[in-house]
Structures are given as structure tokens and as C-alpha cells.
């Protein structure tokens, strides 16, 4: 800090004399960058008229959920000659409780539900009851839920109608200056919502992705430049501004195309709406950002009747652990996000609703689920629900401890297809959970090993028939 700047600050603090705060001007521009986890960076530009020397500036219409410790002030007109001496976040807003607190020992007027009017000195208003002392000395206790109107002589000092940042600023020169305010705010979040229309033959789908943005930050942002960051951005749990997060804030490009532009930003995906967007307080706004047609798709069935136990370093020898009683067969939809034979899009985390047209052309919901952040080129699997016409049954038919270190068990899995005219393929994952050293001794169907303790069968079940799978597994334990 220069010696001249230091002397100016000390002079203002010593005198304590400031000009009255001027009216807050309208925004020149505002930019909002929202993150998945419910925070946003707000960049607000306005033009103030300064006098040479000290100035008291009220910056109103900031988010009520602002993090005051994250505020960054900058004069774009004269950054070297304009200094912030002190900053205050004033949030003591006008409401009946704030007024009751400020008017203790003052005379107020109360009108209750039946029209009766009470006038007297306010003794208390903090416990859910208003207590006043009338001119005759009588003490009246009035439940605040019975009050229809409260009348106060005037608005007391210190109360404001909107959240306000109040600055003491020293300016070396008078005149207009454009001020840029950047801060973090809570209560602004966005998610991705997807609608999928699955073709009648289950082989292709049309995908539409929507940005769903919610603003409960306490203020509106008219004609804002809107950016959205998709990805898991680490945030510490204290109210501190991570300066690197502010660095990428920039003006919206003039003449940007009227759609959402996607680009890489660090290890995340950034989406910028190519037009000005008005984000109202307490508003949910949707903007389409992904459209893909005729994406190749597959539906498949899974019967997962094996237990999801893990041995955690000790042998599971209790035969009961092999029983689950699961009979439902799950239905899944699968497609790829790649450019070659896929949706050709990165898909931020969000909710997916899948529809299919009925014979009369009406689209009906057939499943809903959520997906994680999925980059381009990956496979998406969506659990849709349970198949009505498919039934699975898993029975432990044999369990034998051959020795203290060897155990064998046999399972019989039945799959019934009650469809009248369609054969189906069912995937059957089996978790070999008792111990890490295992061997399949017998099996009447081929299987593939998926990982160290899971095998998978894929069995076709003809329409109206039942197919039975049998296999025997042997576990060898250490002494």
C-alpha cells in the first residue's frame, strides 16, 4: 500500500465524517455462474458518482444469501485511485419482529382480529406475545397470532428494506466510475433433467436435456449472462472465497448464438447460455441444452437374486446367507454418449425420465432414474423398473462342509417368461461371497467372470417357458 493511500485511509477513519450514501444505480450488467452444489458466483457492475475524498456507498439488491467474506470490489474506471476502507453487510431487514425489537419503550398501536385497538408503551415483543402498558397503567398481553395490524410512528434508523453492502470508499478524483462487485451466494443451483423417448422396438431413442435452475438467493438477476459448471468442485466448509473460482468470470460474448455453448474448463464442463437470461427470485427456469435423435439403444433384463454380502476378511459359513427370496427381474435401458453411434454429448448429473409411445401415439412414462456426470464416449445404464411378465427363483439345493477348509454349495435358478410371443435374454449376476478362493465345479450354462467374486450368466428364455440354471461352487479356506 502506498504512503498516500495509507494517509488517506487514516484520515477518513480518524474524522469519521462521510457523505450521505447515494441511491444505488441500476445494474450495467450482471453475470451468474452456478454450480451443481447450490452456490453461484455473481458479478455485478454498476456506475456510481464519486466525490473526491471519502464516499459512503450502498450497493443494494445483492443476494440475501451472500457470503460477505467472499466479496471482491473493483473500480474498472480508476482501480489505482479508488480504495475500499471499510465494508459492512447490512441485513437487518424490516419485519414485524425487527420493528418490535427497535420500538421497545416507545408508543405503538395494535389492532387485533375483532377490530379492537390498543395503544401503549411497548414492553416486550420477543416471546410470541406483545406486552404493552396503556396510558392508564394497565398492562396488556396480546398474542402475536391475534394481531391484524401494527402501527409504528416511523421507520427507525438502521433498518433497511433490502440486503445491502455498505462501503466507505476513498476516491482520489470525483466523477462517474464503473464498479464491479464479485461474490459467492448460496441458494442458486442447477441440475440436468433429461427426457428420453424410446422407440417402440426398443432399438433407438430421442434424447433432450434441460438445464433446470432454481434461484432462492433472495434477489433477481435481470438480463444476466448465465454460465453453469458441471462437475464435482471441491469446496471447504468455511465461508472463504477460493480466488481461483473468480478468475474465469468474463463478459458474455456479443452476438453469441441463441443456444447453450459447451466447453471444457479445467477438469469440468462449462455451459454458457448464448443469450441474456432473467433469473427471478424464487423461480425455477429451464433451458434446453442437449438434443440427440435416433440414438442406438438396448433394453435388457437382470435377475440378481444372489446376496450382496462381503466376507470382510473372514469366512461366511452360515448357510442362511445364501437365501434372499428375490423374485423380481429388473429392466434396464442402455445407450452410449459417444459421437460414433451414440448421443454425441457430455451428460451432467441429473434425472432421466423415459417415455414410450402407446398404440394411439400417447407417450407414457416407463421409468425414471438419475445418472452421474457422464463424459462423451461412456455407456449409460438406466434402471427402469421390474418386468411384469418375468419371474426369477433362486434356491440353495445343496450345502456341504467337506472339511474345516472346504465348502461346497449348489444353487438352482429358475427363470419364467410369461410373455406370449417374445423370447427374452436375462442377465444373471452371481456374487461368490463366502471367500475369495472359489471354483465353479459344475454348471449347465456358460458364464463369464466379471471380477474377483462375480460371475454372470446370459440366458435366453423362450416365450411361455421356464429355464433352469444349476451350478456348484467350491470354496477353499485357509486354516
Protein backbone atom coordinates (compact mmCIF):
# COMPACT_ATOMS: atom_id res chain seq x y z
CA UNK A 1 0.00 0.00 0.00
CA UNK A 2 1.37 3.41 -0.96
CA UNK A 3 2.06 6.06 1.71
CA UNK A 4 -0.50 8.39 0.11
CA UNK A 5 -3.19 5.69 0.24
CA UNK A 6 -2.39 4.86 3.89
CA UNK A 7 -2.62 8.54 4.88
CA UNK A 8 -5.98 8.88 3.13
CA UNK A 9 -7.42 5.86 4.94
CA UNK A 10 -6.16 7.02 8.33
CA UNK A 11 -7.63 10.48 7.75
CA UNK A 12 -11.08 9.10 6.96
CA UNK A 13 -11.09 6.73 9.92
CA UNK A 14 -9.92 9.46 12.26
CA UNK A 15 -12.53 12.03 11.25
CA UNK A 16 -15.46 9.64 10.95
CA UNK A 17 -17.13 12.11 8.58
CA UNK A 18 -18.70 10.74 5.40
CA UNK A 19 -21.07 11.96 2.75
CA UNK A 20 -24.58 10.50 2.79
CA UNK A 21 -24.97 7.27 0.86
CA UNK A 22 -26.24 7.90 -2.66
CA UNK A 23 -29.07 5.99 -4.27
CA UNK A 24 -27.93 2.67 -5.72
CA UNK A 25 -27.91 2.92 -9.52
CA UNK A 26 -29.37 0.28 -11.80
CA UNK A 27 -27.14 -2.56 -12.96
CA UNK A 28 -24.97 -2.04 -16.02
CA UNK A 29 -24.65 -5.82 -16.32
CA UNK A 30 -24.77 -8.95 -14.21
CA UNK A 31 -23.26 -12.41 -14.73
CA UNK A 32 -24.20 -15.56 -12.82
CA UNK A 33 -22.09 -18.73 -12.76
CA UNK A 34 -23.91 -21.53 -10.95
CA UNK A 35 -22.50 -24.77 -9.58
CA UNK A 36 -24.28 -28.10 -9.00
CA UNK A 37 -23.93 -27.98 -5.23
CA UNK A 38 -26.04 -24.85 -4.68
CA UNK A 39 -23.60 -21.95 -4.87
CA UNK A 40 -23.01 -19.34 -7.52
CA UNK A 41 -20.56 -16.57 -8.34
CA UNK A 42 -22.28 -13.25 -9.02
CA UNK A 43 -20.54 -10.47 -10.94
CA UNK A 44 -22.47 -7.20 -10.74
CA UNK A 45 -21.42 -3.96 -12.49
CA UNK A 46 -22.88 -0.52 -11.74
CA UNK A 47 -21.85 3.09 -12.27
CA UNK A 48 -21.59 5.36 -9.20
CA UNK A 49 -20.80 9.07 -8.98
CA UNK A 50 -17.93 9.71 -6.56
CA UNK A 51 -16.73 12.86 -4.89
CA UNK A 52 -13.03 13.42 -4.35
CA UNK A 53 -12.22 12.03 -0.91
CA UNK A 54 -14.45 9.87 1.23
CA UNK A 55 -17.69 8.32 -0.04
CA UNK A 56 -20.38 6.24 1.61
CA UNK A 57 -21.73 3.77 -0.96
CA UNK A 58 -24.75 1.49 -0.56
CA UNK A 59 -24.76 -1.43 -3.00
CA UNK A 60 -28.32 -2.77 -2.82
CA UNK A 61 -30.06 -5.75 -4.41
CA UNK A 62 -27.26 -8.16 -3.58
CA UNK A 63 -28.27 -11.74 -2.83
CA UNK A 64 -29.76 -12.20 0.62
CA UNK A 65 -27.71 -15.41 0.80
CA UNK A 66 -24.42 -13.65 0.03
CA UNK A 67 -21.23 -14.87 1.68
CA UNK A 68 -19.89 -11.50 2.89
CA UNK A 69 -16.35 -12.85 3.29
CA UNK A 70 -16.17 -13.63 -0.42
CA UNK A 71 -16.83 -10.10 -1.70
CA UNK A 72 -14.38 -8.63 -4.20
CA UNK A 73 -14.65 -4.87 -5.01
CA UNK A 74 -13.00 -3.32 -8.05
CA UNK A 75 -13.23 0.06 -9.76
CA UNK A 76 -12.98 -0.57 -13.50
CA UNK A 77 -12.62 3.15 -14.18
CA UNK A 78 -9.88 4.06 -11.69
CA UNK A 79 -8.57 0.91 -9.97
CA UNK A 80 -5.41 2.64 -8.69
CA UNK A 81 -7.10 5.72 -7.27
CA UNK A 82 -10.09 4.11 -5.54
CA UNK A 83 -9.68 2.39 -2.17
CA UNK A 84 -12.10 0.41 -0.02
CA UNK A 85 -11.60 1.49 3.58
CA UNK A 86 -14.39 -0.47 5.22
CA UNK A 87 -17.11 -2.87 4.16
CA UNK A 88 -20.30 -3.75 6.01
CA UNK A 89 -23.01 -6.23 5.09
CA UNK A 90 -26.29 -4.74 6.37
CA UNK A 91 -29.02 -7.36 6.64
CA UNK A 92 -31.24 -6.11 9.47
CA UNK A 93 -34.31 -6.09 7.23
CA UNK A 94 -37.69 -4.65 8.04
CA UNK A 95 -40.16 -7.14 9.52
CA UNK A 96 -42.56 -7.06 12.46
CA UNK A 97 -40.06 -8.67 14.83
CA UNK A 98 -37.28 -6.24 13.90
CA UNK A 99 -39.67 -3.33 14.43
CA UNK A 100 -40.85 -4.66 17.78
CA UNK A 101 -37.24 -5.03 18.88
CA UNK A 102 -36.42 -1.45 17.85
CA UNK A 103 -39.54 0.11 19.41
CA UNK A 104 -39.12 -1.12 22.99
CA UNK A 105 -40.28 1.60 25.40
CA UNK A 106 -41.93 3.52 22.54
CA UNK A 107 -45.66 4.02 21.93
CA UNK A 108 -47.26 1.75 19.29
CA UNK A 109 -50.80 0.98 18.16
CA UNK A 110 -52.15 -2.59 17.80
CA UNK A 111 -55.33 -3.68 16.02
CA UNK A 112 -56.47 -7.23 16.78
CA UNK A 113 -58.68 -9.58 14.77
CA UNK A 114 -62.02 -8.25 16.08
CA UNK A 115 -61.05 -4.64 15.33
CA UNK A 116 -60.19 -3.62 18.89
CA UNK A 117 -57.38 -1.05 19.04
CA UNK A 118 -54.76 -0.95 21.81
CA UNK A 119 -52.32 1.92 22.26
CA UNK A 120 -49.47 1.92 24.73
CA UNK A 121 -45.79 1.68 25.56
CA UNK A 122 -44.16 -1.45 24.14
CA UNK A 123 -42.62 -3.51 26.95
CA UNK A 124 -41.84 -6.75 25.10
CA UNK A 125 -42.40 -8.43 21.76
CA UNK A 126 -39.85 -11.22 21.66
CA UNK A 127 -41.64 -14.26 23.12
CA UNK A 128 -44.60 -14.65 20.76
CA UNK A 129 -46.65 -12.17 22.78
CA UNK A 130 -46.75 -8.37 22.63
CA UNK A 131 -46.84 -6.71 26.03
CA UNK A 132 -47.83 -3.03 26.26
CA UNK A 133 -48.52 -0.57 29.05
CA UNK A 134 -51.52 1.69 28.37
CA UNK A 135 -51.83 5.34 29.43
CA UNK A 136 -53.90 4.23 32.44
CA UNK A 137 -51.05 2.00 33.62
CA UNK A 138 -52.78 -1.25 32.65
CA UNK A 139 -50.55 -3.98 31.18
CA UNK A 140 -52.00 -5.78 28.16
CA UNK A 141 -50.65 -9.11 26.78
CA UNK A 142 -51.65 -9.72 23.16
CA UNK A 143 -50.80 -12.91 21.27
CA UNK A 144 -48.94 -12.02 18.10
CA UNK A 145 -51.08 -14.50 16.14
CA UNK A 146 -54.15 -12.40 17.07
CA UNK A 147 -52.70 -9.16 15.67
CA UNK A 148 -54.19 -7.82 12.46
CA UNK A 149 -52.26 -4.53 12.22
CA UNK A 150 -49.28 -2.92 13.91
CA UNK A 151 -48.72 0.84 13.64
CA UNK A 152 -45.33 2.42 14.37
CA UNK A 153 -44.59 6.18 14.25
CA UNK A 154 -41.73 5.86 11.70
CA UNK A 155 -39.03 3.55 10.37
CA UNK A 156 -36.22 3.52 12.92
CA UNK A 157 -32.61 4.05 11.92
CA UNK A 158 -30.62 1.02 10.90
CA UNK A 159 -33.42 -0.99 9.32
CA UNK A 160 -33.40 -1.45 5.56
CA UNK A 161 -35.76 -2.98 3.04
CA UNK A 162 -33.20 -4.99 1.03
CA UNK A 163 -29.86 -6.66 1.81
CA UNK A 164 -27.15 -4.04 1.27
CA UNK A 165 -23.38 -3.89 1.06
CA UNK A 166 -22.23 -0.58 2.54
CA UNK A 167 -18.75 0.66 1.74
CA UNK A 168 -16.58 3.52 2.93
CA UNK A 169 -14.55 4.31 -0.18
CA UNK A 170 -11.82 6.85 -0.76
CA UNK A 171 -11.54 8.21 -4.28
CA UNK A 172 -8.68 10.42 -5.45
CA UNK A 173 -10.89 12.03 -8.11
CA UNK A 174 -14.56 12.89 -8.44
CA UNK A 175 -16.85 11.74 -11.23
CA UNK A 176 -18.52 8.59 -12.52
CA UNK A 177 -16.85 5.24 -12.01
CA UNK A 178 -17.99 1.77 -13.03
CA UNK A 179 -17.76 -0.58 -10.07
CA UNK A 180 -17.51 -4.37 -10.35
CA UNK A 181 -18.71 -6.46 -7.42
CA UNK A 182 -18.00 -10.20 -7.32
CA UNK A 183 -19.22 -12.51 -4.57
CA UNK A 184 -20.37 -16.03 -3.74
CA UNK A 185 -24.04 -16.62 -2.97
CA UNK A 186 -25.98 -19.64 -1.80
CA UNK A 187 -29.45 -20.70 -2.89
CA UNK A 188 -28.66 -20.80 -6.63
CA UNK A 189 -28.38 -24.33 -8.00
CA UNK A 190 -28.90 -26.22 -11.19
CA UNK A 191 -29.41 -29.79 -12.28
CA UNK A 192 -29.83 -31.51 -15.59
CA UNK A 193 -33.19 -33.06 -16.46
CA UNK A 194 -33.44 -35.42 -19.40
CA UNK A 195 -36.43 -36.73 -21.33
CA UNK A 196 -35.94 -39.89 -23.39
CA UNK A 197 -38.46 -41.12 -25.96
CA UNK A 198 -37.76 -44.80 -26.58
CA UNK A 199 -38.83 -46.23 -29.92
CA UNK A 200 -41.47 -48.96 -29.94
CA UNK A 201 -38.95 -51.62 -30.91
CA UNK A 202 -36.57 -50.53 -28.10
CA UNK A 203 -33.65 -50.05 -30.53
CA UNK A 204 -33.37 -46.23 -30.74
CA UNK A 205 -34.20 -43.22 -28.61
CA UNK A 206 -34.52 -39.45 -28.82
CA UNK A 207 -32.81 -37.53 -26.02
CA UNK A 208 -33.50 -33.99 -24.81
CA UNK A 209 -31.56 -32.43 -21.95
CA UNK A 210 -32.76 -29.42 -19.96
CA UNK A 211 -30.94 -27.18 -17.55
CA UNK A 212 -33.21 -26.79 -14.52
CA UNK A 213 -32.13 -23.80 -12.45
CA UNK A 214 -33.51 -22.80 -9.05
CA UNK A 215 -32.97 -19.37 -7.51
CA UNK A 216 -33.78 -18.84 -3.83
CA UNK A 217 -30.87 -16.45 -3.20
CA UNK A 218 -33.09 -13.52 -2.21
CA UNK A 219 -32.79 -11.35 -5.32
CA UNK A 220 -33.37 -11.41 -9.08
CA UNK A 221 -30.80 -11.09 -11.87
CA UNK A 222 -32.34 -9.39 -14.93
CA UNK A 223 -30.75 -9.91 -18.36
CA UNK A 224 -27.87 -11.91 -16.86
CA UNK A 225 -25.02 -13.68 -18.58
CA UNK A 226 -25.56 -17.25 -17.37
CA UNK A 227 -22.88 -19.92 -17.03
CA UNK A 228 -23.17 -23.31 -15.39
CA UNK A 229 -20.34 -25.54 -14.22
CA UNK A 230 -20.85 -29.31 -14.28
CA UNK A 231 -18.54 -31.43 -12.16
CA UNK A 232 -17.59 -32.16 -8.59
CA UNK A 233 -15.86 -28.96 -7.47
CA UNK A 234 -14.32 -29.36 -4.04
CA UNK A 235 -15.36 -26.71 -1.52
CA UNK A 236 -14.10 -26.28 2.02
CA UNK A 237 -16.80 -25.98 4.64
CA UNK A 238 -15.95 -22.50 5.86
CA UNK A 239 -17.16 -19.28 4.28
CA UNK A 240 -14.00 -18.50 2.39
CA UNK A 241 -13.66 -17.37 -1.19
CA UNK A 242 -11.45 -19.54 -3.33
CA UNK A 243 -9.92 -16.88 -5.54
CA UNK A 244 -9.30 -19.21 -8.46
CA UNK A 245 -13.05 -19.66 -8.84
CA UNK A 246 -13.50 -15.99 -9.66
CA UNK A 247 -10.80 -15.79 -12.29
CA UNK A 248 -12.83 -17.16 -15.20
CA UNK A 249 -15.71 -14.71 -14.87
CA UNK A 250 -15.98 -12.79 -18.09
CA UNK A 251 -18.40 -10.70 -20.09
CA UNK A 252 -20.87 -12.56 -22.26
CA UNK A 253 -19.74 -12.57 -25.88
CA UNK A 254 -21.65 -10.08 -28.01
CA UNK A 255 -23.77 -11.71 -30.67
CA UNK A 256 -23.45 -15.19 -29.15
CA UNK A 257 -25.66 -17.79 -30.85
CA UNK A 258 -29.04 -18.36 -29.17
CA UNK A 259 -28.22 -21.79 -27.72
CA UNK A 260 -26.16 -23.28 -24.92
CA UNK A 261 -22.45 -23.47 -25.71
CA UNK A 262 -20.46 -26.22 -24.03
CA UNK A 263 -16.70 -26.04 -23.47
CA UNK A 264 -14.08 -27.54 -21.21
CA UNK A 265 -13.00 -25.55 -18.16
CA UNK A 266 -10.17 -27.03 -16.10
CA UNK A 267 -11.42 -30.56 -15.19
CA UNK A 268 -15.08 -29.62 -15.54
CA UNK A 269 -17.65 -28.85 -18.22
CA UNK A 270 -18.91 -25.29 -18.57
CA UNK A 271 -22.19 -24.39 -20.24
CA UNK A 272 -22.89 -20.80 -21.30
CA UNK A 273 -26.31 -19.67 -22.46
CA UNK A 274 -25.83 -17.65 -25.63
CA UNK A 275 -28.40 -15.00 -24.75
CA UNK A 276 -29.25 -12.83 -21.77
CA UNK A 277 -31.40 -14.64 -19.21
CA UNK A 278 -33.57 -13.10 -16.50
CA UNK A 279 -33.38 -15.20 -13.32
CA UNK A 280 -36.20 -14.25 -10.97
CA UNK A 281 -36.07 -14.76 -7.22
CA UNK A 282 -37.91 -17.91 -6.08
CA UNK A 283 -38.07 -19.06 -9.68
CA UNK A 284 -37.35 -22.35 -11.46
CA UNK A 285 -36.13 -21.87 -15.03
CA UNK A 286 -35.50 -24.50 -17.73
CA UNK A 287 -33.29 -24.15 -20.81
CA UNK A 288 -32.71 -26.91 -23.37
CA UNK A 289 -29.03 -27.75 -23.87
CA UNK A 290 -28.84 -31.26 -25.41
CA UNK A 291 -30.77 -32.71 -28.35
CA UNK A 292 -29.96 -36.09 -29.90
CA UNK A 293 -32.20 -38.13 -32.21
CA UNK A 294 -32.15 -41.78 -33.28
CA UNK A 295 -29.54 -42.80 -30.72
CA UNK A 296 -28.94 -46.59 -30.80
CA UNK A 297 -30.32 -48.15 -27.62
CA UNK A 298 -30.69 -51.53 -25.94
CA UNK A 299 -33.02 -52.79 -23.25
CA UNK A 300 -32.08 -55.80 -21.17
CA UNK A 301 -33.23 -57.76 -18.13
CA UNK A 302 -31.35 -58.63 -14.95
CA UNK A 303 -32.22 -61.23 -12.33
CA UNK A 304 -29.99 -60.51 -9.34
CA UNK A 305 -31.02 -62.94 -6.65
CA UNK A 306 -27.65 -63.54 -5.02
CA UNK A 307 -26.84 -61.94 -1.67
CA UNK A 308 -24.83 -58.72 -1.61
CA UNK A 309 -22.72 -59.85 1.34
CA UNK A 310 -18.96 -59.48 1.51
CA UNK A 311 -16.72 -61.54 3.77
CA UNK A 312 -14.65 -58.57 5.03
CA UNK A 313 -11.68 -60.85 5.76
CA UNK A 314 -13.47 -63.75 7.45
CA UNK A 315 -15.23 -66.82 6.11
CA UNK A 316 -19.05 -66.79 5.84
CA UNK A 317 -20.06 -70.37 6.61
CA UNK A 318 -23.66 -69.83 7.73
CA UNK A 319 -25.86 -71.42 5.06
CA UNK A 320 -28.60 -68.86 5.75
CA UNK A 321 -26.59 -66.17 3.96
CA UNK A 322 -27.35 -67.87 0.64
CA UNK A 323 -31.10 -67.23 0.91
CA UNK A 324 -32.61 -63.98 -0.43
CA UNK A 325 -36.13 -64.73 -1.67
CA UNK A 326 -35.80 -62.24 -4.54
CA UNK A 327 -38.15 -62.99 -7.46
CA UNK A 328 -38.23 -59.70 -9.41
CA UNK A 329 -36.49 -59.28 -12.76
CA UNK A 330 -35.22 -55.74 -13.41
CA UNK A 331 -35.48 -53.90 -16.71
CA UNK A 332 -32.66 -51.60 -17.91
CA UNK A 333 -32.09 -49.17 -20.79
CA UNK A 334 -28.57 -48.73 -22.18
CA UNK A 335 -27.06 -46.28 -24.66
CA UNK A 336 -23.72 -44.65 -25.40
CA UNK A 337 -22.83 -40.95 -25.17
CA UNK A 338 -20.12 -41.09 -27.85
CA UNK A 339 -20.05 -39.33 -31.21
CA UNK A 340 -19.93 -42.60 -33.17
CA UNK A 341 -23.23 -44.37 -32.67
CA UNK A 342 -24.24 -42.51 -29.55
CA UNK A 343 -25.77 -39.32 -28.18
CA UNK A 344 -22.63 -37.25 -29.04
CA UNK A 345 -22.90 -35.29 -25.79
CA UNK A 346 -21.48 -34.95 -22.31
CA UNK A 347 -24.26 -35.52 -19.81
CA UNK A 348 -24.08 -33.69 -16.46
CA UNK A 349 -25.59 -35.47 -13.47
CA UNK A 350 -29.34 -35.29 -13.34
CA UNK A 351 -32.70 -37.03 -13.56
CA UNK A 352 -33.77 -39.08 -16.59
CA UNK A 353 -37.40 -39.74 -17.46
CA UNK A 354 -38.02 -42.38 -20.12
CA UNK A 355 -41.20 -42.43 -22.22
CA UNK A 356 -42.56 -44.70 -24.93
CA UNK A 357 -45.49 -44.15 -27.27
CA UNK A 358 -48.61 -46.25 -26.89
CA UNK A 359 -50.54 -47.54 -29.93
CA UNK A 360 -52.55 -44.31 -30.02
CA UNK A 361 -49.39 -42.16 -30.09
CA UNK A 362 -49.60 -41.02 -26.46
CA UNK A 363 -46.20 -41.01 -24.71
CA UNK A 364 -46.33 -42.90 -21.39
CA UNK A 365 -43.73 -42.90 -18.61
CA UNK A 366 -41.94 -46.27 -18.43
CA UNK A 367 -39.17 -45.40 -15.95
CA UNK A 368 -37.29 -42.68 -14.11
CA UNK A 369 -33.85 -42.64 -12.56
CA UNK A 370 -30.76 -40.48 -12.11
CA UNK A 371 -27.32 -40.55 -13.70
CA UNK A 372 -23.93 -39.32 -12.54
CA UNK A 373 -21.72 -36.95 -14.56
CA UNK A 374 -21.09 -38.92 -17.74
CA UNK A 375 -18.48 -37.79 -20.29
CA UNK A 376 -18.83 -38.34 -24.02
CA UNK A 377 -17.98 -41.88 -25.06
CA UNK A 378 -19.26 -43.68 -21.94
CA UNK A 379 -22.17 -46.09 -21.57
CA UNK A 380 -25.28 -45.07 -19.63
CA UNK A 381 -27.40 -47.72 -17.92
CA UNK A 382 -30.76 -46.67 -16.51
CA UNK A 383 -32.85 -48.88 -14.24
CA UNK A 384 -36.44 -48.52 -15.44
CA UNK A 385 -38.36 -50.85 -13.15
CA UNK A 386 -39.32 -54.53 -12.78
CA UNK A 387 -40.66 -56.64 -15.65
CA UNK A 388 -44.25 -57.73 -15.04
CA UNK A 389 -44.11 -60.97 -17.08
CA UNK A 390 -40.73 -62.29 -15.87
CA UNK A 391 -40.16 -64.16 -12.63
CA UNK A 392 -36.96 -65.47 -11.08
CA UNK A 393 -36.50 -68.01 -8.33
CA UNK A 394 -33.20 -68.85 -6.62
CA UNK A 395 -32.91 -71.88 -4.33
CA UNK A 396 -29.92 -73.30 -2.49
CA UNK A 397 -30.28 -77.04 -3.21
CA UNK A 398 -27.14 -78.31 -1.50
CA UNK A 399 -24.74 -77.08 1.18
CA UNK A 400 -21.90 -79.25 2.43
CA UNK A 401 -18.86 -78.60 4.62
CA UNK A 402 -16.45 -81.21 3.29
CA UNK A 403 -13.79 -80.29 5.85
CA UNK A 404 -12.72 -77.41 8.06
CA UNK A 405 -11.28 -75.71 4.98
CA UNK A 406 -13.55 -76.82 2.10
CA UNK A 407 -17.21 -75.93 1.49
CA UNK A 408 -19.49 -76.72 -1.47
CA UNK A 409 -22.92 -75.36 -2.28
CA UNK A 410 -25.28 -75.73 -5.21
CA UNK A 411 -27.87 -73.26 -6.47
CA UNK A 412 -30.81 -73.73 -8.78
CA UNK A 413 -32.12 -70.62 -10.52
CA UNK A 414 -35.41 -70.76 -12.41
CA UNK A 415 -36.47 -68.09 -14.91
CA UNK A 416 -40.07 -68.00 -16.11
CA UNK A 417 -41.13 -65.96 -19.14
CA UNK A 418 -44.90 -65.37 -19.13
CA UNK A 419 -44.84 -63.27 -22.31
CA UNK A 420 -46.98 -64.78 -25.05
CA UNK A 421 -44.84 -64.07 -28.10
CA UNK A 422 -41.38 -62.77 -27.17
CA UNK A 423 -38.25 -64.60 -26.07
CA UNK A 424 -36.04 -62.59 -23.71
CA UNK A 425 -32.41 -62.68 -22.63
CA UNK A 426 -31.86 -62.37 -18.90
CA UNK A 427 -28.52 -61.47 -17.31
CA UNK A 428 -27.87 -63.29 -14.04
CA UNK A 429 -25.02 -61.92 -11.90
CA UNK A 430 -23.96 -64.26 -9.08
CA UNK A 431 -21.88 -62.96 -6.18
CA UNK A 432 -19.48 -65.59 -4.77
CA UNK A 433 -19.32 -64.02 -1.37
CA UNK A 434 -18.19 -66.64 1.13
CA UNK A 435 -14.45 -66.43 0.47
CA UNK A 436 -12.03 -65.16 -2.17
CA UNK A 437 -10.76 -68.63 -3.17
CA UNK A 438 -13.56 -70.27 -5.18
CA UNK A 439 -14.08 -72.62 -8.12
CA UNK A 440 -17.14 -73.49 -10.21
CA UNK A 441 -17.25 -77.27 -10.25
CA UNK A 442 -20.37 -77.77 -12.35
CA UNK A 443 -22.64 -75.52 -14.43
CA UNK A 444 -25.21 -76.30 -17.08
CA UNK A 445 -24.73 -72.86 -18.75
CA UNK A 446 -21.65 -70.90 -19.78
CA UNK A 447 -20.69 -67.90 -17.68
CA UNK A 448 -18.20 -65.02 -17.74
CA UNK A 449 -16.19 -63.80 -14.77
CA UNK A 450 -16.88 -60.09 -14.20
CA UNK A 451 -14.49 -59.53 -11.28
CA UNK A 452 -12.80 -61.40 -8.43
CA UNK A 453 -16.06 -62.52 -6.82
CA UNK A 454 -18.77 -62.17 -9.50
CA UNK A 455 -19.77 -64.31 -12.46
CA UNK A 456 -22.55 -63.56 -14.95
CA UNK A 457 -24.84 -65.77 -17.00
CA UNK A 458 -26.82 -64.63 -20.02
CA UNK A 459 -29.70 -66.97 -20.70
CA UNK A 460 -32.43 -66.75 -23.33
CA UNK A 461 -35.88 -67.77 -22.10
CA UNK A 462 -38.45 -68.58 -24.82
CA UNK A 463 -41.96 -67.15 -24.60
CA UNK A 464 -44.20 -69.05 -22.20
CA UNK A 465 -41.39 -71.30 -20.94
CA UNK A 466 -39.18 -71.86 -17.91
CA UNK A 467 -35.41 -72.33 -17.94
CA UNK A 468 -33.42 -73.72 -15.01
CA UNK A 469 -29.78 -72.86 -14.28
CA UNK A 470 -27.73 -75.05 -11.91
CA UNK A 471 -24.20 -74.56 -10.70
CA UNK A 472 -21.99 -75.80 -7.89
CA UNK A 473 -19.26 -73.69 -6.32
CA UNK A 474 -16.48 -74.85 -4.03
CA UNK A 475 -14.73 -72.56 -1.54
CA UNK A 476 -11.32 -73.35 -0.05
CA UNK A 477 -10.46 -71.58 3.19
CA UNK A 478 -7.14 -71.07 4.94
CA UNK A 479 -6.51 -72.92 8.18
